Amino acid sequence: MPIINIKLAKPEFSKTQKEELIADITELLHTKYNKPKQNIVIMLEDIEPYNIAFGGESVEKLRLKGKK
């Protein structure tokens, strides 16, 4: 049983986009790796952008820099 855990920095994905992501990953595992769809578990976790950092700077700060 594949268990896929995806962590997303908020607020990038809408509910509809998340549903599409889940459907796409499920279909990929089913068609490419022959996994039964009913056995595929996908968990999406939203994480606040100030709790993720690259190179010592939070995603929140990096996003603000990118908007300037």
C-alpha atoms as a PDB file:
ATOM      1  CA  MET A   1       0.000   0.000   0.000  1.00  0.00           C
ATOM      2  CA  PRO A   2       1.695   3.212  -1.129  1.00  0.00           C
ATOM      3  CA  ILE A   3       1.413   6.063   1.353  1.00  0.00           C
ATOM      4  CA  ILE A   4       2.294   9.438  -0.140  1.00  0.00           C
ATOM      5  CA  ASN A   5       2.745  12.454   2.138  1.00  0.00           C
ATOM      6  CA  ILE A   6       3.024  15.845   0.444  1.00  0.00           C
ATOM      7  CA  LYS A   7       3.717  19.021   2.385  1.00  0.00           C
ATOM      8  CA  LEU A   8       2.635  22.297   0.802  1.00  0.00           C
ATOM      9  CA  ALA A   9       3.551  25.830   1.815  1.00  0.00           C
ATOM     10  CA  LYS A  10       0.323  27.787   2.272  1.00  0.00           C
ATOM     11  CA  PRO A  11      -1.624  29.215   0.451  1.00  0.00           C
ATOM     12  CA  GLU A  12      -0.477  27.875  -2.901  1.00  0.00           C
ATOM     13  CA  PHE A  13      -3.158  25.292  -3.688  1.00  0.00           C
ATOM     14  CA  SER A  14      -6.938  25.659  -3.752  1.00  0.00           C
ATOM     15  CA  LYS A  15      -9.243  22.813  -2.748  1.00  0.00           C
ATOM     16  CA  THR A  16      -9.872  22.068  -6.428  1.00  0.00           C
ATOM     17  CA  GLN A  17      -6.137  21.993  -7.187  1.00  0.00           C
ATOM     18  CA  LYS A  18      -5.561  19.625  -4.274  1.00  0.00           C
ATOM     19  CA  GLU A  19      -8.287  17.301  -5.565  1.00  0.00           C
ATOM     20  CA  GLU A  20      -6.627  17.329  -8.998  1.00  0.00           C
ATOM     21  CA  LEU A  21      -3.201  16.653  -7.460  1.00  0.00           C
ATOM     22  CA  ILE A  22      -4.584  13.677  -5.538  1.00  0.00           C
ATOM     23  CA  ALA A  23      -6.303  12.323  -8.665  1.00  0.00           C
ATOM     24  CA  ASP A  24      -3.162  12.774 -10.795  1.00  0.00           C
ATOM     25  CA  ILE A  25      -0.852  11.051  -8.304  1.00  0.00           C
ATOM     26  CA  THR A  26      -3.330   8.217  -7.815  1.00  0.00           C
ATOM     27  CA  GLU A  27      -3.601   7.720 -11.575  1.00  0.00           C
ATOM     28  CA  LEU A  28       0.197   7.771 -11.978  1.00  0.00           C
ATOM     29  CA  LEU A  29       0.738   5.106  -9.322  1.00  0.00           C
ATOM     30  CA  HIS A  30      -2.087   3.032 -10.761  1.00  0.00           C
ATOM     31  CA  THR A  31      -1.018   3.156 -14.419  1.00  0.00           C
ATOM     32  CA  LYS A  32       2.774   3.272 -14.153  1.00  0.00           C
ATOM     33  CA  TYR A  33       3.288   1.003 -11.133  1.00  0.00           C
ATOM     34  CA  ASN A  34       0.114  -1.123 -11.332  1.00  0.00           C
ATOM     35  CA  LYS A  35      -1.027  -0.200  -7.810  1.00  0.00           C
ATOM     36  CA  PRO A  36      -4.731  -0.662  -7.065  1.00  0.00           C
ATOM     37  CA  LYS A  37      -6.357   2.745  -6.631  1.00  0.00           C
ATOM     38  CA  GLN A  38      -8.173   1.662  -3.482  1.00  0.00           C
ATOM     39  CA  ASN A  39      -4.802   0.909  -1.811  1.00  0.00           C
ATOM     40  CA  ILE A  40      -3.214   4.302  -2.509  1.00  0.00           C
ATOM     41  CA  VAL A  41      -3.165   6.712   0.426  1.00  0.00           C
ATOM     42  CA  ILE A  42      -2.310  10.362  -0.198  1.00  0.00           C
ATOM     43  CA  MET A  43      -2.005  12.905   2.595  1.00  0.00           C
ATOM     44  CA  LEU A  44      -1.630  16.616   1.929  1.00  0.00           C
ATOM     45  CA  GLU A  45      -0.380  18.830   4.719  1.00  0.00           C
ATOM     46  CA  ASP A  46      -0.471  22.615   4.572  1.00  0.00           C
ATOM     47  CA  ILE A  47       2.453  24.281   6.318  1.00  0.00           C
ATOM     48  CA  GLU A  48       2.690  27.938   7.182  1.00  0.00           C
ATOM     49  CA  PRO A  49       5.306  29.631   4.967  1.00  0.00           C
ATOM     50  CA  TYR A  50       7.112  30.997   8.027  1.00  0.00           C
ATOM     51  CA  ASN A  51       7.766  27.399   9.148  1.00  0.00           C
ATOM     52  CA  ILE A  52       9.748  26.468   6.019  1.00  0.00           C
ATOM     53  CA  ALA A  53      13.128  27.955   5.162  1.00  0.00           C
ATOM     54  CA  PHE A  54      15.672  27.834   2.342  1.00  0.00           C
ATOM     55  CA  GLY A  55      19.179  29.094   2.943  1.00  0.00           C
ATOM     56  CA  GLY A  56      18.207  30.463   6.342  1.00  0.00           C
ATOM     57  CA  GLU A  57      15.247  32.519   5.097  1.00  0.00           C
ATOM     58  CA  SER A  58      11.601  31.612   5.512  1.00  0.00           C
ATOM     59  CA  VAL A  59       9.432  30.992   2.473  1.00  0.00           C
ATOM     60  CA  GLU A  60       7.301  33.886   3.688  1.00  0.00           C
ATOM     61  CA  LYS A  61      10.262  36.302   3.431  1.00  0.00           C
ATOM     62  CA  LEU A  62      11.396  34.852   0.111  1.00  0.00           C
ATOM     63  CA  ARG A  63       7.920  35.351  -1.345  1.00  0.00           C
ATOM     64  CA  LEU A  64       7.869  38.949  -0.161  1.00  0.00           C
ATOM     65  CA  LYS A  65      11.272  39.555  -1.772  1.00  0.00           C
ATOM     66  CA  GLY A  66      10.002  38.070  -5.037  1.00  0.00           C
ATOM     67  CA  LYS A  67       7.080  40.515  -5.160  1.00  0.00           C
ATOM     68  CA  LYS A  68       9.337  43.582  -5.048  1.00  0.00           C
END
